[in-house]
PDB file of N, CA and C in Angstrom:
ATOM      1  N   MET A   1      88.111  83.537  81.088  1.00  0.00           N
ATOM      2  CA  MET A   1      89.134  83.320  82.101  1.00  0.00           C
ATOM      3  C   MET A   1      88.457  82.871  83.396  1.00  0.00           C
ATOM      4  N   GLU A   2      88.944  81.770  83.922  1.00  0.00           N
ATOM      5  CA  GLU A   2      88.391  81.238  85.158  1.00  0.00           C
ATOM      6  C   GLU A   2      89.096  81.878  86.359  1.00  0.00           C
ATOM      7  N   ILE A   3      88.306  82.345  87.290  1.00  0.00           N
ATOM      8  CA  ILE A   3      88.857  82.956  88.501  1.00  0.00           C
ATOM      9  C   ILE A   3      88.856  81.910  89.609  1.00  0.00           C
ATOM     10  N   CYS A   4      89.997  81.756  90.227  1.00  0.00           N
ATOM     11  CA  CYS A   4      90.130  80.813  91.339  1.00  0.00           C
ATOM     12  C   CYS A   4      90.167  81.614  92.637  1.00  0.00           C
ATOM     13  N   ASN A   5      89.224  81.364  93.511  1.00  0.00           N
ATOM     14  CA  ASN A   5      89.194  82.101  94.770  1.00  0.00           C
ATOM     15  C   ASN A   5      89.629  81.216  95.947  1.00  0.00           C
ATOM     16  N   ARG A   6      90.496  80.247  95.635  1.00  0.00           N
ATOM     17  CA  ARG A   6      91.044  79.369  96.670  1.00  0.00           C
ATOM     18  C   ARG A   6      92.567  79.389  96.592  1.00  0.00           C
ATOM     19  N   ILE A   7      93.171  79.148  97.711  1.00  0.00           N
ATOM     20  CA  ILE A   7      94.628  79.013  97.735  1.00  0.00           C
ATOM     21  C   ILE A   7      94.918  77.515  97.706  1.00  0.00           C
ATOM     22  N   THR A   8      95.331  77.061  96.559  1.00  0.00           N
ATOM     23  CA  THR A   8      95.591  75.637  96.354  1.00  0.00           C
ATOM     24  C   THR A   8      96.999  75.273  96.811  1.00  0.00           C
ATOM     25  N   ASP A   9      97.246  73.979  96.913  1.00  0.00           N
ATOM     26  CA  ASP A   9      98.602  73.505  97.224  1.00  0.00           C
ATOM     27  C   ASP A   9      99.598  74.048  96.210  1.00  0.00           C
ATOM     28  N   GLU A  10      99.216  74.001  94.932  1.00  0.00           N
ATOM     29  CA  GLU A  10     100.105  74.457  93.873  1.00  0.00           C
ATOM     30  C   GLU A  10     100.407  75.948  93.988  1.00  0.00           C
ATOM     31  N   LYS A  11      99.386  76.736  94.293  1.00  0.00           N
ATOM     32  CA  LYS A  11      99.581  78.184  94.383  1.00  0.00           C
ATOM     33  C   LYS A  11     100.490  78.546  95.555  1.00  0.00           C
ATOM     34  N   ILE A  12     100.242  77.990  96.716  1.00  0.00           N
ATOM     35  CA  ILE A  12     101.071  78.343  97.878  1.00  0.00           C
ATOM     36  C   ILE A  12     102.499  77.855  97.664  1.00  0.00           C
ATOM     37  N   GLU A  13     102.666  76.681  97.055  1.00  0.00           N
ATOM     38  CA  GLU A  13     104.019  76.177  96.778  1.00  0.00           C
ATOM     39  C   GLU A  13     104.747  77.083  95.797  1.00  0.00           C
ATOM     40  N   ARG A  14     104.043  77.561  94.780  1.00  0.00           N
ATOM     41  CA  ARG A  14     104.667  78.455  93.790  1.00  0.00           C
ATOM     42  C   ARG A  14     105.149  79.739  94.456  1.00  0.00           C
ATOM     43  N   TYR A  15     104.311  80.344  95.297  1.00  0.00           N
ATOM     44  CA  TYR A  15     104.696  81.583  95.971  1.00  0.00           C
ATOM     45  C   TYR A  15     105.848  81.341  96.952  1.00  0.00           C
ATOM     46  N   LEU A  16     105.812  80.240  97.674  1.00  0.00           N
ATOM     47  CA  LEU A  16     106.913  79.915  98.588  1.00  0.00           C
ATOM     48  C   LEU A  16     108.211  79.694  97.816  1.00  0.00           C
ATOM     49  N   ASP A  17     108.125  79.005  96.676  1.00  0.00           N
ATOM     50  CA  ASP A  17     109.317  78.749  95.864  1.00  0.00           C
ATOM     51  C   ASP A  17     109.924  80.046  95.327  1.00  0.00           C
ATOM     52  N   VAL A  18     109.079  80.934  94.810  1.00  0.00           N
ATOM     53  CA  VAL A  18     109.572  82.206  94.270  1.00  0.00           C
ATOM     54  C   VAL A  18     110.260  83.011  95.366  1.00  0.00           C
ATOM     55  N   THR A  19     109.665  83.058  96.538  1.00  0.00           N
ATOM     56  CA  THR A  19     110.250  83.830  97.636  1.00  0.00           C
ATOM     57  C   THR A  19     111.523  83.179  98.145  1.00  0.00           C
ATOM     58  N   ARG A  20     111.569  81.853  98.196  1.00  0.00           N
ATOM     59  CA  ARG A  20     112.798  81.153  98.598  1.00  0.00           C
ATOM     60  C   ARG A  20     113.923  81.461  97.606  1.00  0.00           C
ATOM     61  N   CYS A  21     113.613  81.440  96.324  1.00  0.00           N
ATOM     62  CA  CYS A  21     114.614  81.778  95.300  1.00  0.00           C
ATOM     63  C   CYS A  21     115.112  83.210  95.482  1.00  0.00           C
ATOM     64  N   ALA A  22     114.192  84.120  95.789  1.00  0.00           N
ATOM     65  CA  ALA A  22     114.569  85.519  96.000  1.00  0.00           C
ATOM     66  C   ALA A  22     115.468  85.648  97.229  1.00  0.00           C
ATOM     67  N   LEU A  23     115.113  84.980  98.309  1.00  0.00           N
ATOM     68  CA  LEU A  23     115.948  85.030  99.521  1.00  0.00           C
ATOM     69  C   LEU A  23     117.336  84.464  99.246  1.00  0.00           C
ATOM     70  N   ASP A  24     117.403  83.410  98.457  1.00  0.00           N
ATOM     71  CA  ASP A  24     118.703  82.803  98.136  1.00  0.00           C
ATOM     72  C   ASP A  24     119.561  83.702  97.258  1.00  0.00           C
ATOM     73  N   LYS A  25     118.934  84.542  96.456  1.00  0.00           N
ATOM     74  CA  LYS A  25     119.659  85.354  95.493  1.00  0.00           C
ATOM     75  C   LYS A  25     120.174  86.680  96.051  1.00  0.00           C
ATOM     76  N   ILE A  26     119.448  87.277  96.986  1.00  0.00           N
ATOM     77  CA  ILE A  26     119.835  88.624  97.423  1.00  0.00           C
ATOM     78  C   ILE A  26     121.162  88.607  98.185  1.00  0.00           C
ATOM     79  N   ARG A  27     121.879  89.691  97.992  1.00  0.00           N
ATOM     80  CA  ARG A  27     123.109  89.961  98.736  1.00  0.00           C
ATOM     81  C   ARG A  27     122.987  91.374  99.272  1.00  0.00           C
ATOM     82  N   ILE A  28     123.427  91.576 100.483  1.00  0.00           N
ATOM     83  CA  ILE A  28     123.361  92.910 101.060  1.00  0.00           C
ATOM     84  C   ILE A  28     124.377  93.800 100.354  1.00  0.00           C
ATOM     85  N   ALA A  29     123.896  94.933  99.863  1.00  0.00           N
ATOM     86  CA  ALA A  29     124.734  95.850  99.090  1.00  0.00           C
ATOM     87  C   ALA A  29     125.334  96.958  99.950  1.00  0.00           C
ATOM     88  N   ALA A  30     124.713  97.239 101.066  1.00  0.00           N
ATOM     89  CA  ALA A  30     125.146  98.365 101.904  1.00  0.00           C
ATOM     90  C   ALA A  30     126.456  98.040 102.632  1.00  0.00           C
ATOM     91  N   PRO A  31     127.328  99.038 102.762  1.00  0.00           N
ATOM     92  CA  PRO A  31     128.593  98.832 103.486  1.00  0.00           C
ATOM     93  C   PRO A  31     128.358  98.417 104.943  1.00  0.00           C
ATOM     94  N   GLU A  32     129.268  97.625 105.445  1.00  0.00           N
ATOM     95  CA  GLU A  32     129.150  97.022 106.785  1.00  0.00           C
ATOM     96  C   GLU A  32     128.835  98.025 107.891  1.00  0.00           C
ATOM     97  N   ARG A  33     129.487  99.163 107.937  1.00  0.00           N
ATOM     98  CA  ARG A  33     129.333 100.080 109.067  1.00  0.00           C
ATOM     99  C   ARG A  33     128.382 101.242 108.769  1.00  0.00           C
ATOM    100  N   SER A  34     127.581 101.118 107.742  1.00  0.00           N
ATOM    101  CA  SER A  34     126.673 102.204 107.371  1.00  0.00           C
ATOM    102  C   SER A  34     125.301 102.032 108.015  1.00  0.00           C
ATOM    103  N   TYR A  35     124.572 103.136 108.078  1.00  0.00           N
ATOM    104  CA  TYR A  35     123.194 103.084 108.542  1.00  0.00           C
ATOM    105  C   TYR A  35     122.366 102.217 107.601  1.00  0.00           C
ATOM    106  N   SER A  36     122.663 102.293 106.313  1.00  0.00           N
ATOM    107  CA  SER A  36     121.938 101.480 105.333  1.00  0.00           C
ATOM    108  C   SER A  36     122.122  99.988 105.601  1.00  0.00           C
ATOM    109  N   ARG A  37     123.266  99.607 106.130  1.00  0.00           N
ATOM    110  CA  ARG A  37     123.495  98.188 106.457  1.00  0.00           C
ATOM    111  C   ARG A  37     122.539  97.735 107.546  1.00  0.00           C
ATOM    112  N   LYS A  38     122.318  98.590 108.550  1.00  0.00           N
ATOM    113  CA  LYS A  38     121.366  98.255 109.610  1.00  0.00           C
ATOM    114  C   LYS A  38     119.967  98.075 109.013  1.00  0.00           C
ATOM    115  N   LEU A  39     119.610  98.956 108.074  1.00  0.00           N
ATOM    116  CA  LEU A  39     118.317  98.823 107.396  1.00  0.00           C
ATOM    117  C   LEU A  39     118.255  97.526 106.595  1.00  0.00           C
ATOM    118  N   ALA A  40     119.307  97.233 105.855  1.00  0.00           N
ATOM    119  CA  ALA A  40     119.339  96.015 105.045  1.00  0.00           C
ATOM    120  C   ALA A  40     119.205  94.777 105.926  1.00  0.00           C
ATOM    121  N   ASP A  41     119.950  94.757 107.024  1.00  0.00           N
ATOM    122  CA  ASP A  41     119.868  93.626 107.956  1.00  0.00           C
ATOM    123  C   ASP A  41     118.451  93.486 108.506  1.00  0.00           C
ATOM    124  N   SER A  42     117.827  94.602 108.843  1.00  0.00           N
ATOM    125  CA  SER A  42     116.471  94.587 109.374  1.00  0.00           C
ATOM    126  C   SER A  42     115.465  94.110 108.324  1.00  0.00           C
ATOM    127  N   PHE A  43     115.592  94.607 107.082  1.00  0.00           N
ATOM    128  CA  PHE A  43     114.697  94.174 106.008  1.00  0.00           C
ATOM    129  C   PHE A  43     114.840  92.671 105.781  1.00  0.00           C
ATOM    130  N   LEU A  44     116.079  92.182 105.763  1.00  0.00           N
ATOM    131  CA  LEU A  44     116.316  90.759 105.552  1.00  0.00           C
ATOM    132  C   LEU A  44     115.735  89.935 106.698  1.00  0.00           C
ATOM    133  N   GLU A  45     115.912  90.403 107.919  1.00  0.00           N
ATOM    134  CA  GLU A  45     115.351  89.703 109.074  1.00  0.00           C
ATOM    135  C   GLU A  45     113.828  89.633 108.984  1.00  0.00           C
ATOM    136  N   MET A  46     113.195  90.730 108.596  1.00  0.00           N
ATOM    137  CA  MET A  46     111.738  90.738 108.445  1.00  0.00           C
ATOM    138  C   MET A  46     111.303  89.751 107.363  1.00  0.00           C
ATOM    139  N   ALA A  47     111.991  89.760 106.233  1.00  0.00           N
ATOM    140  CA  ALA A  47     111.645  88.850 105.136  1.00  0.00           C
ATOM    141  C   ALA A  47     111.795  87.393 105.572  1.00  0.00           C
ATOM    142  N   GLN A  48     112.893  87.089 106.245  1.00  0.00           N
ATOM    143  CA  GLN A  48     113.123  85.717 106.701  1.00  0.00           C
ATOM    144  C   GLN A  48     112.092  85.294 107.746  1.00  0.00           C
ATOM    145  N   SER A  49     111.726  86.209 108.623  1.00  0.00           N
ATOM    146  CA  SER A  49     110.731  85.905 109.658  1.00  0.00           C
ATOM    147  C   SER A  49     109.359  85.633 109.044  1.00  0.00           C
ATOM    148  N   TYR A  50     108.945  86.485 108.116  1.00  0.00           N
ATOM    149  CA  TYR A  50     107.657  86.262 107.452  1.00  0.00           C
ATOM    150  C   TYR A  50     107.676  84.980 106.624  1.00  0.00           C
ATOM    151  N   TYR A  51     108.798  84.684 105.979  1.00  0.00           N
ATOM    152  CA  TYR A  51     108.896  83.447 105.210  1.00  0.00           C
ATOM    153  C   TYR A  51     108.784  82.235 106.140  1.00  0.00           C
ATOM    154  N   SER A  52     109.464  82.295 107.266  1.00  0.00           N
ATOM    155  CA  SER A  52     109.380  81.222 108.249  1.00  0.00           C
ATOM    156  C   SER A  52     107.941  81.056 108.753  1.00  0.00           C
ATOM    157  N   ASP A  53     107.272  82.171 109.010  1.00  0.00           N
ATOM    158  CA  ASP A  53     105.870  82.124 109.421  1.00  0.00           C
ATOM    159  C   ASP A  53     105.012  81.473 108.345  1.00  0.00           C
ATOM    160  N   ALA A  54     105.279  81.823 107.081  1.00  0.00           N
ATOM    161  CA  ALA A  54     104.513  81.253 105.964  1.00  0.00           C
ATOM    162  C   ALA A  54     104.651  79.728 105.940  1.00  0.00           C
ATOM    163  N   LEU A  55     105.864  79.242 106.138  1.00  0.00           N
ATOM    164  CA  LEU A  55     106.079  77.796 106.168  1.00  0.00           C
ATOM    165  C   LEU A  55     105.325  77.160 107.332  1.00  0.00           C
ATOM    166  N   HIS A  56     105.396  77.799 108.487  1.00  0.00           N
ATOM    167  CA  HIS A  56     104.700  77.287 109.677  1.00  0.00           C
ATOM    168  C   HIS A  56     103.196  77.189 109.437  1.00  0.00           C
ATOM    169  N   PHE A  57     102.604  78.268 108.936  1.00  0.00           N
ATOM    170  CA  PHE A  57     101.155  78.274 108.722  1.00  0.00           C
ATOM    171  C   PHE A  57     100.741  77.282 107.637  1.00  0.00           C
ATOM    172  N   LYS A  58     101.573  77.112 106.600  1.00  0.00           N
ATOM    173  CA  LYS A  58     101.261  76.128 105.571  1.00  0.00           C
ATOM    174  C   LYS A  58     101.232  74.728 106.176  1.00  0.00           C
ATOM    175  N   GLU A  59     102.242  74.409 106.975  1.00  0.00           N
ATOM    176  CA  GLU A  59     102.299  73.086 107.609  1.00  0.00           C
ATOM    177  C   GLU A  59     101.120  72.865 108.552  1.00  0.00           C
ATOM    178  N   ALA A  60     100.619  73.946 109.150  1.00  0.00           N
ATOM    179  CA  ALA A  60      99.467  73.850 110.050  1.00  0.00           C
ATOM    180  C   ALA A  60      98.150  73.783 109.278  1.00  0.00           C
ATOM    181  N   GLY A  61      98.227  73.929 107.952  1.00  0.00           N
ATOM    182  CA  GLY A  61      97.020  73.871 107.132  1.00  0.00           C
ATOM    183  C   GLY A  61      96.302  75.189 106.961  1.00  0.00           C
ATOM    184  N   ASP A  62      96.900  76.272 107.455  1.00  0.00           N
ATOM    185  CA  ASP A  62      96.297  77.600 107.341  1.00  0.00           C
ATOM    186  C   ASP A  62      96.890  78.302 106.123  1.00  0.00           C
ATOM    187  N   TYR A  63      96.356  77.985 104.961  1.00  0.00           N
ATOM    188  CA  TYR A  63      96.893  78.507 103.707  1.00  0.00           C
ATOM    189  C   TYR A  63      96.647  79.999 103.541  1.00  0.00           C
ATOM    190  N   VAL A  64      95.567  80.495 104.094  1.00  0.00           N
ATOM    191  CA  VAL A  64      95.280  81.932 103.959  1.00  0.00           C
ATOM    192  C   VAL A  64      96.349  82.749 104.674  1.00  0.00           C
ATOM    193  N   THR A  65      96.658  82.398 105.904  1.00  0.00           N
ATOM    194  CA  THR A  65      97.675  83.132 106.655  1.00  0.00           C
ATOM    195  C   THR A  65      99.058  82.892 106.058  1.00  0.00           C
ATOM    196  N   SER A  66      99.312  81.683 105.585  1.00  0.00           N
ATOM    197  CA  SER A  66     100.579  81.387 104.919  1.00  0.00           C
ATOM    198  C   SER A  66     100.753  82.261 103.677  1.00  0.00           C
ATOM    199  N   PHE A  67      99.697  82.385 102.881  1.00  0.00           N
ATOM    200  CA  PHE A  67      99.737  83.193 101.665  1.00  0.00           C
ATOM    201  C   PHE A  67      99.998  84.659 102.004  1.00  0.00           C
ATOM    202  N   ALA A  68      99.345  85.140 103.056  1.00  0.00           N
ATOM    203  CA  ALA A  68      99.572  86.528 103.480  1.00  0.00           C
ATOM    204  C   ALA A  68     101.025  86.713 103.917  1.00  0.00           C
ATOM    205  N   ALA A  69     101.545  85.791 104.706  1.00  0.00           N
ATOM    206  CA  ALA A  69     102.907  85.911 105.230  1.00  0.00           C
ATOM    207  C   ALA A  69     103.952  85.855 104.122  1.00  0.00           C
ATOM    208  N   VAL A  70     103.778  84.966 103.150  1.00  0.00           N
ATOM    209  CA  VAL A  70     104.769  84.869 102.077  1.00  0.00           C
ATOM    210  C   VAL A  70     104.744  86.134 101.216  1.00  0.00           C
ATOM    211  N   ASN A  71     103.588  86.735 101.062  1.00  0.00           N
ATOM    212  CA  ASN A  71     103.518  87.991 100.311  1.00  0.00           C
ATOM    213  C   ASN A  71     104.150  89.141 101.079  1.00  0.00           C
ATOM    214  N   TYR A  72     104.001  89.175 102.383  1.00  0.00           N
ATOM    215  CA  TYR A  72     104.715  90.170 103.189  1.00  0.00           C
ATOM    216  C   TYR A  72     106.218  89.957 103.063  1.00  0.00           C
ATOM    217  N   ALA A  73     106.665  88.707 103.129  1.00  0.00           N
ATOM    218  CA  ALA A  73     108.096  88.400 103.001  1.00  0.00           C
ATOM    219  C   ALA A  73     108.637  88.948 101.689  1.00  0.00           C
ATOM    220  N   HIS A  74     107.929  88.670 100.616  1.00  0.00           N
ATOM    221  CA  HIS A  74     108.423  89.120  99.324  1.00  0.00           C
ATOM    222  C   HIS A  74     108.345  90.644  99.202  1.00  0.00           C
ATOM    223  N   GLY A  75     107.381  91.241  99.861  1.00  0.00           N
ATOM    224  CA  GLY A  75     107.291  92.701  99.870  1.00  0.00           C
ATOM    225  C   GLY A  75     108.523  93.338 100.508  1.00  0.00           C
ATOM    226  N   TRP A  76     108.995  92.777 101.619  1.00  0.00           N
ATOM    227  CA  TRP A  76     110.208  93.291 102.260  1.00  0.00           C
ATOM    228  C   TRP A  76     111.411  93.128 101.326  1.00  0.00           C
ATOM    229  N   ILE A  77     111.481  91.985 100.658  1.00  0.00           N
ATOM    230  CA  ILE A  77     112.586  91.740  99.726  1.00  0.00           C
ATOM    231  C   ILE A  77     112.543  92.740  98.572  1.00  0.00           C
ATOM    232  N   ASP A  78     111.372  92.876  97.968  1.00  0.00           N
ATOM    233  CA  ASP A  78     111.227  93.796  96.833  1.00  0.00           C
ATOM    234  C   ASP A  78     111.567  95.228  97.215  1.00  0.00           C
ATOM    235  N   CYS A  79     111.113  95.641  98.362  1.00  0.00           N
ATOM    236  CA  CYS A  79     111.396  97.008  98.809  1.00  0.00           C
ATOM    237  C   CYS A  79     112.903  97.195  98.985  1.00  0.00           C
ATOM    238  N   GLY A  80     113.570  96.241  99.633  1.00  0.00           N
ATOM    239  CA  GLY A  80     115.011  96.330  99.824  1.00  0.00           C
ATOM    240  C   GLY A  80     115.761  96.357  98.505  1.00  0.00           C
ATOM    241  N   ALA A  81     115.298  95.570  97.543  1.00  0.00           N
ATOM    242  CA  ALA A  81     115.939  95.559  96.218  1.00  0.00           C
ATOM    243  C   ALA A  81     115.710  96.888  95.508  1.00  0.00           C
ATOM    244  N   ARG A  82     114.508  97.397  95.580  1.00  0.00           N
ATOM    245  CA  ARG A  82     114.154  98.615  94.846  1.00  0.00           C
ATOM    246  C   ARG A  82     114.908  99.840  95.349  1.00  0.00           C
ATOM    247  N   ILE A  83     115.139  99.901  96.667  1.00  0.00           N
ATOM    248  CA  ILE A  83     115.841 101.077  97.214  1.00  0.00           C
ATOM    249  C   ILE A  83     117.358 100.860  97.319  1.00  0.00           C
ATOM    250  N   GLY A  84     117.844  99.713  96.857  1.00  0.00           N
ATOM    251  CA  GLY A  84     119.275  99.489  96.758  1.00  0.00           C
ATOM    252  C   GLY A  84     119.950  98.900  97.977  1.00  0.00           C
ATOM    253  N   LEU A  85     119.180  98.402  98.936  1.00  0.00           N
ATOM    254  CA  LEU A  85     119.788  97.746 100.090  1.00  0.00           C
ATOM    255  C   LEU A  85     120.320  96.367  99.723  1.00  0.00           C
ATOM    256  N   PHE A  86     119.670  95.735  98.742  1.00  0.00           N
ATOM    257  CA  PHE A  86     120.057  94.407  98.298  1.00  0.00           C
ATOM    258  C   PHE A  86     120.541  94.455  96.858  1.00  0.00           C
ATOM    259  N   ASP A  87     121.591  93.714  96.593  1.00  0.00           N
ATOM    260  CA  ASP A  87     122.054  93.499  95.224  1.00  0.00           C
ATOM    261  C   ASP A  87     121.344  92.239  94.733  1.00  0.00           C
ATOM    262  N   VAL A  88     120.603  92.382  93.637  1.00  0.00           N
ATOM    263  CA  VAL A  88     119.859  91.252  93.085  1.00  0.00           C
ATOM    264  C   VAL A  88     120.317  90.932  91.666  1.00  0.00           C
ATOM    265  N   GLY A  89     121.456  91.478  91.289  1.00  0.00           N
ATOM    266  CA  GLY A  89     122.028  91.184  89.988  1.00  0.00           C
ATOM    267  C   GLY A  89     121.167  91.619  88.815  1.00  0.00           C
ATOM    268  N   GLY A  90     120.359  92.632  89.014  1.00  0.00           N
ATOM    269  CA  GLY A  90     119.522  93.133  87.929  1.00  0.00           C
ATOM    270  C   GLY A  90     118.341  92.242  87.579  1.00  0.00           C
ATOM    271  N   ASP A  91     118.045  91.253  88.414  1.00  0.00           N
ATOM    272  CA  ASP A  91     116.959  90.298  88.150  1.00  0.00           C
ATOM    273  C   ASP A  91     115.600  90.980  88.300  1.00  0.00           C
ATOM    274  N   ASP A  92     114.933  91.205  87.172  1.00  0.00           N
ATOM    275  CA  ASP A  92     113.612  91.825  87.243  1.00  0.00           C
ATOM    276  C   ASP A  92     112.493  90.799  87.058  1.00  0.00           C
ATOM    277  N   ARG A  93     112.840  89.534  87.197  1.00  0.00           N
ATOM    278  CA  ARG A  93     111.830  88.468  87.214  1.00  0.00           C
ATOM    279  C   ARG A  93     111.402  88.173  88.648  1.00  0.00           C
ATOM    280  N   LEU A  94     112.378  88.091  89.536  1.00  0.00           N
ATOM    281  CA  LEU A  94     112.084  87.813  90.946  1.00  0.00           C
ATOM    282  C   LEU A  94     111.831  89.076  91.760  1.00  0.00           C
ATOM    283  N   PHE A  95     112.281  90.215  91.240  1.00  0.00           N
ATOM    284  CA  PHE A  95     112.248  91.457  92.010  1.00  0.00           C
ATOM    285  C   PHE A  95     111.612  92.585  91.207  1.00  0.00           C
ATOM    286  N   THR A  96     111.052  93.542  91.917  1.00  0.00           N
ATOM    287  CA  THR A  96     110.492  94.732  91.279  1.00  0.00           C
ATOM    288  C   THR A  96     111.519  95.842  91.393  1.00  0.00           C
ATOM    289  N   LEU A  97     112.267  96.036  90.328  1.00  0.00           N
ATOM    290  CA  LEU A  97     113.327  97.037  90.328  1.00  0.00           C
ATOM    291  C   LEU A  97     112.800  98.384  89.840  1.00  0.00           C
ATOM    292  N   PHE A  98     113.529  99.433  90.137  1.00  0.00           N
ATOM    293  CA  PHE A  98     113.099 100.769  89.739  1.00  0.00           C
ATOM    294  C   PHE A  98     113.260 100.982  88.246  1.00  0.00           C
ATOM    295  N   GLU A  99     114.391 100.598  87.695  1.00  0.00           N
ATOM    296  CA  GLU A  99     114.629 100.757  86.254  1.00  0.00           C
ATOM    297  C   GLU A  99     115.098  99.441  85.662  1.00  0.00           C
TER     298      GLU A  99
END
């Protein structure tokens, strides 16, 4: 098995695509006036902000920081899905679900 220790165009595009698909799929599950809704909104804002940062750094040619940012973005999404803030339709390909 060959180990690649570089972030290639293909790799960063794949991670950005997966996270974009995840952002497009999630729906906030928490009721509008609940404390959980505030958490869900905050998690989504963090994910969107990190994703936006990832795009910015990629365009600037900083693939290392872009890769870090897109992974943080997906981490916020996964956490929100796992604890039930986001409805992801049971998708365990894009998300890390509990069961």
